[in-house]
Protein backbone atom coordinates (compact mmCIF):
# COMPACT_ATOMS: atom_id res chain seq x y z
CA MET A 1 24.22 -2.86 113.87
CA LEU A 2 22.06 0.59 115.39
CA VAL A 3 19.93 -0.61 118.21
CA ASP A 4 16.61 1.84 118.80
CA SER A 5 16.89 2.69 122.13
CA PRO A 6 13.23 2.97 124.27
CA PRO A 7 11.92 6.79 124.91
CA PRO A 8 12.57 8.89 127.69
CA LEU A 9 8.80 8.93 128.79
CA MET A 10 8.31 5.18 128.22
CA SER A 11 11.63 4.68 130.24
CA ARG A 12 10.54 7.22 132.91
CA THR A 13 6.81 5.56 132.86
CA SER A 14 8.53 2.43 133.44
CA ARG A 15 10.98 3.26 136.01
CA GLN A 16 7.67 4.95 137.85
CA HIS A 17 5.67 1.75 137.36
CA GLY A 18 8.54 0.10 139.41
CA PHE A 19 8.60 2.02 142.20
CA TRP A 20 4.57 1.64 142.22
CA VAL A 21 5.11 -2.23 142.57
CA VAL A 22 7.41 -1.66 144.90
CA PHE A 23 5.88 0.73 147.14
CA ALA A 24 2.26 -1.48 147.00
CA PHE A 25 4.10 -4.61 148.03
CA ALA A 26 5.70 -2.87 150.93
CA MET A 27 2.00 -1.59 152.01
CA VAL A 28 0.99 -5.37 152.18
CA TYR A 29 3.96 -6.82 153.88
CA LEU A 30 3.97 -4.36 156.45
CA PRO A 31 0.91 -3.29 157.62
CA TRP A 32 -1.26 -6.33 156.81
CA GLY A 33 1.56 -8.24 159.11
CA SER A 34 1.05 -5.06 161.74
CA THR A 35 -2.52 -5.69 162.04
CA TYR A 36 -2.35 -8.75 164.17
CA LEU A 37 -0.60 -6.41 166.81
CA ALA A 38 -3.69 -3.72 166.36
CA MET A 39 -6.32 -6.34 166.99
CA ARG A 40 -4.66 -7.23 169.55
CA LEU A 41 -4.13 -3.97 171.34
CA ALA A 42 -7.87 -2.96 170.81
CA VAL A 43 -9.73 -6.24 171.73
CA VAL A 44 -8.07 -5.37 175.51
CA ASP A 45 -11.02 -2.80 176.25
CA VAL A 46 -13.34 -3.01 173.01
CA PRO A 47 -14.86 -6.63 172.16
CA PRO A 48 -14.39 -8.12 169.50
CA PHE A 49 -18.15 -7.50 167.43
CA ALA A 50 -18.01 -4.06 169.12
CA MET A 51 -14.75 -3.45 167.26
CA GLY A 52 -15.61 -5.07 163.60
CA GLY A 53 -18.96 -2.94 163.41
CA VAL A 54 -17.19 0.35 164.02
CA ARG A 55 -14.12 -0.51 162.05
CA PHE A 56 -15.90 -2.01 158.70
CA LEU A 57 -19.00 0.13 158.81
CA ALA A 58 -16.49 3.63 159.19
CA ALA A 59 -13.98 2.15 156.25
CA GLY A 60 -16.74 0.84 154.11
CA ALA A 61 -19.00 4.38 154.39
CA VAL A 62 -15.74 6.34 153.84
CA MET A 63 -14.29 4.12 150.26
CA LEU A 64 -17.80 3.58 149.21
CA GLY A 65 -17.98 7.57 149.24
CA TRP A 66 -14.46 8.01 147.68
CA CYS A 67 -15.69 5.03 144.66
CA ALA A 68 -18.81 7.58 143.86
CA TRP A 69 -16.76 10.86 144.10
CA SER A 70 -14.20 9.07 141.96
CA GLY A 71 -16.85 8.36 139.24
CA ARG A 72 -17.35 4.72 139.96
CA ARG A 73 -20.59 2.81 139.89
CA VAL A 74 -21.72 1.98 143.09
CA ARG A 75 -25.14 1.27 143.00
CA ILE A 76 -25.39 -2.69 143.19
CA THR A 77 -28.23 -5.54 141.65
CA ALA A 78 -30.04 -7.64 144.18
CA GLN A 79 -27.97 -10.61 142.60
CA ASP A 80 -24.99 -8.14 143.95
CA PHE A 81 -26.66 -7.63 146.96
CA ARG A 82 -26.64 -11.25 148.23
CA HIS A 83 -23.00 -12.44 146.89
CA LEU A 84 -21.66 -9.19 148.72
CA LEU A 85 -23.55 -10.32 152.10
CA ALA A 86 -22.10 -13.46 151.91
CA VAL A 87 -18.75 -12.98 151.05
CA GLY A 88 -18.43 -10.45 153.46
CA ILE A 89 -20.24 -12.42 156.46
CA LEU A 90 -17.91 -15.08 155.58
CA LEU A 91 -14.64 -12.57 155.58
CA LEU A 92 -15.44 -9.54 157.95
CA SER A 93 -18.02 -11.40 160.30
CA VAL A 94 -16.77 -14.56 160.58
CA GLY A 95 -13.10 -14.90 159.43
CA ASN A 96 -11.68 -11.50 160.86
CA MET A 97 -14.48 -11.40 163.55
CA GLY A 98 -12.80 -15.12 164.85
CA VAL A 99 -9.17 -13.97 164.69
CA VAL A 100 -10.08 -11.25 166.83
CA TRP A 101 -11.68 -13.18 169.48
CA SER A 102 -9.11 -15.86 169.04
CA GLU A 103 -6.61 -12.74 170.21
CA LEU A 104 -8.44 -12.89 173.55
CA TYR A 105 -6.50 -16.08 174.21
CA VAL A 106 -3.60 -16.71 171.66
CA PRO A 107 -0.57 -14.31 171.12
CA SER A 108 -1.00 -12.29 167.91
CA GLY A 109 2.29 -13.94 166.28
CA LEU A 110 0.80 -17.45 166.73
CA ALA A 111 -2.76 -16.54 165.90
CA ALA A 112 -1.21 -14.82 162.30
CA LEU A 113 0.95 -17.80 162.03
CA ILE A 114 -2.44 -20.18 161.74
CA VAL A 115 -4.24 -17.83 159.23
CA ALA A 116 -1.15 -18.30 157.20
CA MET A 117 -2.92 -21.79 156.13
CA VAL A 118 -5.73 -19.65 154.24
CA PRO A 119 -3.73 -20.44 151.10
CA ILE A 120 -3.82 -24.51 151.99
CA TRP A 121 -7.41 -24.01 153.10
CA VAL A 122 -8.13 -22.67 148.93
CA ALA A 123 -6.45 -24.87 147.52
CA VAL A 124 -8.42 -28.02 149.27
CA ILE A 125 -11.80 -26.07 148.90
CA GLN A 126 -10.55 -25.68 144.75
CA ALA A 127 -9.20 -29.25 144.38
CA TRP A 128 -11.53 -31.61 146.78
CA VAL A 129 -14.65 -30.06 146.92
CA LEU A 130 -15.28 -27.79 144.32
CA ARG A 131 -13.14 -30.14 141.86
CA LYS A 132 -12.55 -27.38 139.78
CA SER A 133 -8.55 -28.09 140.03
CA ARG A 134 -5.83 -30.51 141.00
CA ILE A 135 -3.30 -30.13 143.52
CA PRO A 136 0.27 -31.25 141.75
CA THR A 137 2.87 -32.87 143.43
CA LEU A 138 4.75 -30.19 144.63
CA GLY A 139 1.35 -28.79 146.20
CA GLN A 140 0.81 -32.11 147.61
CA ALA A 141 4.32 -31.54 149.73
CA GLY A 142 3.55 -28.18 150.53
CA LEU A 143 0.04 -29.58 152.46
CA VAL A 144 1.91 -31.96 153.91
CA LEU A 145 4.03 -29.57 155.13
CA GLY A 146 1.84 -27.17 156.06
CA VAL A 147 0.13 -30.28 158.19
CA THR A 148 3.15 -30.74 159.93
CA GLY A 149 4.20 -27.11 160.66
CA MET A 150 1.04 -26.79 162.57
CA LEU A 151 1.46 -30.00 164.93
CA VAL A 152 4.62 -29.03 165.97
CA LEU A 153 3.78 -25.19 166.40
CA LEU A 154 0.88 -26.18 168.40
CA TRP A 155 2.10 -29.18 170.25
CA PRO A 156 3.21 -27.23 173.70
CA ARG A 157 -0.17 -26.02 173.94
CA ILE A 158 -1.64 -29.62 172.89
CA ALA A 159 0.83 -31.33 175.98
CA SER A 160 0.09 -28.76 178.59
CA SER A 161 -2.71 -29.53 181.08
CA THR A 162 -3.13 -25.39 182.70
CA HIS A 163 -6.21 -23.70 182.00
CA MET A 164 -4.63 -21.16 179.77
CA GLY A 165 -3.26 -23.94 177.76
CA ARG A 166 -6.42 -25.45 177.40
CA MET A 167 -7.94 -21.83 176.62
CA GLU A 168 -5.26 -21.31 174.11
CA ILE A 169 -6.43 -24.43 172.27
CA VAL A 170 -9.89 -23.18 172.08
CA GLY A 171 -8.77 -20.01 170.72
CA ILE A 172 -6.87 -21.62 168.39
CA GLY A 173 -9.69 -23.75 166.80
CA LEU A 174 -11.58 -20.73 166.41
CA LEU A 175 -8.76 -19.59 164.13
CA LEU A 176 -8.85 -22.80 161.88
CA MET A 177 -12.70 -21.90 161.66
CA ALA A 178 -11.97 -18.20 160.98
CA SER A 179 -9.38 -19.26 158.02
CA LEU A 180 -11.65 -21.62 156.63
CA ALA A 181 -14.55 -19.15 156.68
CA TRP A 182 -11.93 -16.62 154.80
CA ALA A 183 -10.89 -19.07 152.56
CA THR A 184 -14.50 -20.15 151.81
CA GLY A 185 -15.68 -16.44 151.31
CA SER A 186 -12.34 -15.94 148.75
CA VAL A 187 -13.11 -18.89 146.64
CA LEU A 188 -16.76 -17.59 146.49
CA ALA A 189 -15.94 -14.20 145.82
CA GLY A 190 -13.54 -15.41 142.99
CA GLY A 191 -16.05 -17.50 141.31
CA TRP A 192 -18.86 -14.49 141.30
CA ASN A 193 -19.50 -11.90 138.58
CA LEU A 194 -20.23 -8.46 139.91
CA SER A 195 -21.78 -4.88 138.31
CA VAL A 196 -19.22 -3.51 140.48
CA ASP A 197 -15.56 -2.80 140.30
CA VAL A 198 -13.18 -4.57 142.78
CA PHE A 199 -12.59 -1.39 145.06
CA THR A 200 -16.63 -0.70 145.33
CA ALA A 201 -17.64 -4.19 146.30
CA CYS A 202 -14.91 -4.25 149.23
CA ALA A 203 -16.73 -1.00 149.98
CA TRP A 204 -19.90 -3.20 150.46
CA GLN A 205 -18.41 -6.53 151.84
CA MET A 206 -17.43 -3.97 154.78
CA ILE A 207 -20.68 -2.20 155.26
CA LEU A 208 -22.45 -5.31 154.95
CA GLY A 209 -20.56 -6.98 157.00
CA GLY A 210 -19.34 -4.17 159.28
CA SER A 211 -23.49 -4.02 159.52
CA VAL A 212 -23.85 -7.77 160.87
CA ASN A 213 -20.73 -7.12 163.44
CA PHE A 214 -22.50 -4.54 164.72
CA LEU A 215 -26.23 -5.88 164.97
CA VAL A 216 -24.23 -8.49 166.99
CA ALA A 217 -22.79 -6.45 169.35
CA LEU A 218 -26.05 -4.58 170.26
CA ALA A 219 -27.37 -8.07 170.44
CA THR A 220 -25.19 -9.41 172.57
CA GLY A 221 -24.83 -6.32 174.59
CA GLN A 222 -20.93 -5.70 173.92
CA PHE A 223 -21.26 -1.66 172.97
CA ARG A 224 -22.49 -1.63 176.92
CA ARG A 225 -18.94 -3.43 177.92
CA ALA A 226 -16.88 -1.61 175.54
CA HIS A 227 -14.13 0.96 176.81
CA TRP A 228 -13.11 3.85 174.33
CA THR A 229 -9.67 4.38 175.45
CA LEU A 230 -7.06 6.17 173.71
CA HIS A 231 -5.31 2.89 173.02
CA SER A 232 -8.07 1.23 171.67
CA VAL A 233 -9.31 4.05 169.47
CA SER A 234 -5.87 4.36 168.16
CA ALA A 235 -5.72 0.77 167.25
CA ILE A 236 -9.18 0.69 165.67
CA VAL A 237 -7.96 3.98 163.44
CA TYR A 238 -4.69 2.32 162.79
CA LEU A 239 -7.14 -0.85 161.39
CA ILE A 240 -9.08 1.22 159.26
CA ILE A 241 -6.53 2.94 157.77
CA PHE A 242 -3.96 0.91 157.10
CA GLY A 243 -6.02 -2.82 157.25
CA SER A 244 -8.86 -1.78 155.50
CA TRP A 245 -7.85 1.56 153.09
CA ILE A 246 -3.95 1.40 152.49
CA GLY A 247 -3.69 -2.65 152.72
CA PHE A 248 -6.54 -3.65 150.68
CA SER A 249 -6.27 -1.33 148.03
CA ALA A 250 -2.55 -1.68 147.65
CA TYR A 251 -3.60 -5.44 147.48
CA ASN A 252 -6.02 -5.06 144.79
CA TRP A 253 -3.56 -2.65 142.73
CA LEU A 254 -1.32 -5.53 142.77
CA LEU A 255 -3.48 -8.18 141.51
CA GLU A 256 -3.74 -5.93 138.53
CA HIS A 257 -0.01 -5.09 137.47
CA VAL A 258 1.84 -8.30 138.94
CA PRO A 259 0.84 -12.38 138.60
CA THR A 260 -1.30 -13.27 141.67
CA PRO A 261 1.04 -16.32 142.69
CA LYS A 262 3.80 -13.10 143.18
CA VAL A 263 1.13 -11.26 145.28
CA ALA A 264 0.30 -14.19 147.32
CA THR A 265 4.07 -13.77 149.02
CA TYR A 266 2.16 -12.32 151.52
CA ALA A 267 0.94 -15.03 152.80
CA TYR A 268 3.99 -16.06 154.12
CA VAL A 269 5.66 -12.47 155.30
CA ASN A 270 2.65 -10.97 157.11
CA PRO A 271 3.24 -14.16 160.06
CA VAL A 272 6.79 -13.07 160.31
CA VAL A 273 6.26 -9.29 160.66
CA ALA A 274 3.40 -10.51 163.54
CA VAL A 275 5.53 -12.65 165.36
CA TYR A 276 8.20 -10.21 165.10
CA LEU A 277 5.91 -7.33 166.35
CA GLY A 278 4.06 -9.11 168.86
CA TRP A 279 7.88 -9.89 170.60
CA LEU A 280 9.21 -6.52 170.20
CA VAL A 281 5.83 -5.10 171.42
CA LEU A 282 4.28 -6.94 173.83
CA GLY A 283 6.92 -9.29 174.92
CA GLU A 284 5.45 -12.31 173.85
CA LYS A 285 6.97 -15.74 174.11
CA VAL A 286 8.57 -17.12 170.98
CA ASP A 287 10.34 -20.53 171.82
CA GLY A 288 11.56 -23.11 169.80
CA PHE A 289 8.27 -24.84 168.93
CA MET A 290 7.23 -21.27 167.58
CA LEU A 291 10.38 -20.72 165.25
CA ALA A 292 10.35 -24.74 164.09
CA GLY A 293 6.23 -24.25 163.14
CA THR A 294 7.14 -20.92 161.40
CA VAL A 295 9.67 -22.31 159.02
CA VAL A 296 7.78 -25.35 158.26
CA ILE A 297 4.16 -23.59 157.57
CA VAL A 298 5.62 -21.00 155.22
CA ALA A 299 8.02 -23.53 153.72
CA GLY A 300 4.79 -25.53 153.18
CA VAL A 301 2.69 -22.22 151.93
CA ALA A 302 5.59 -21.11 149.63
CA LEU A 303 5.84 -24.67 148.26
CA LEU A 304 1.95 -24.50 147.12
CA ASN A 305 2.60 -21.29 145.98
CA LEU A 306 5.42 -22.17 143.83
CA SER A 307 3.26 -25.21 142.46
CA LYS A 308 0.62 -22.64 140.78
CA ILE A 309 3.06 -20.46 139.22
CA LYS A 310 4.57 -23.82 137.46
CA SER A 311 0.80 -24.69 136.89
CA LEU A 312 -0.01 -21.36 135.20
CA ARG A 313 3.27 -21.60 133.12
CA GLN A 314 2.54 -24.63 131.88
CA GLU A 315 -0.92 -24.21 131.23
CA THR A 316 -0.33 -20.79 129.39
CA PRO A 317 -0.08 -20.35 125.77
CA GLN A 318 3.74 -19.40 124.69
CA HIS A 319 2.59 -16.23 123.14
CA GLU A 320 0.98 -15.11 126.48
CA ALA A 321 3.90 -16.27 128.38
CA GLY A 322 4.55 -12.37 129.25
CA VAL A 323 0.96 -11.43 130.05
CA PRO A 324 0.28 -10.94 133.79
CA LEU A 325 -2.19 -13.96 134.87
CA VAL A 326 -4.67 -12.27 137.24
CA GLU A 327 -7.56 -14.21 139.32
CA PRO A 328 -9.93 -12.40 141.60
CA ALA A 329 -9.32 -11.89 144.87
CA GLY A 330 -12.33 -11.20 147.99
CA ASP A 331 -10.61 -9.61 150.83
């Protein structure tokens, strides 16, 4: 019996696609995990909103120029403006700036672990606030594990009576608020239709959110207190290139080519990268509570993600089983 073999061109195209999938995952896993270290280095000399204003305005302006050059539609409607401004503020002025501010008091690895709770926040908002979906039993077990891991992670700080211990608790509270803002912005972005593509929308989010950060920095005198040292400028440039351009672009490319639950694995890879880099570069302490909390939180997020994969398989008609399921993301 003769079996037709695929044309050489198709085989080569398939191999090229596989290479780009692996490359894009590497860009999401490693650069995004390393941004916590870069933010920690930058905030030492440049206050949070000054850093955020410069970073996102520069990244957004260049990205919007690239979108226009590549022939994408860049003009937005009044409704687009309102939606992009709201998402930009939630993600970049509250979410990202909350993370940066907290890193004045919280180690970068610990900050990344707390932000890993974002998928759990998203599930809670969608199921219990918006009532758009239900959380399966496996997902509920993931929620319980996530909260348990957070308690294990924070127990030494809760039990501490020192000034630094109390300031870490303040920073952790800010991180929880920042991750909630990021989750809320992501959910809103996923439910709004825009007249422009995802890359143009990202550019406008960065420009609008960066503008808010810039105005806050001006109003609070943060630019006067900023010291533009080689280390801080290098860290900001790194954040623009690897965080705002490469990491985000790779993430959105993956959303178009790989099922979303697989892309979401970044949420439990990034914290591990951040913890390792914080220990390696900054000498941040990694104790037993942090290791145990890391394992439990990552397991909780993984269970929640697995429950989504199972739900998608049950809801997908049999004839569509091979079609990647993609949902919008607002980053």
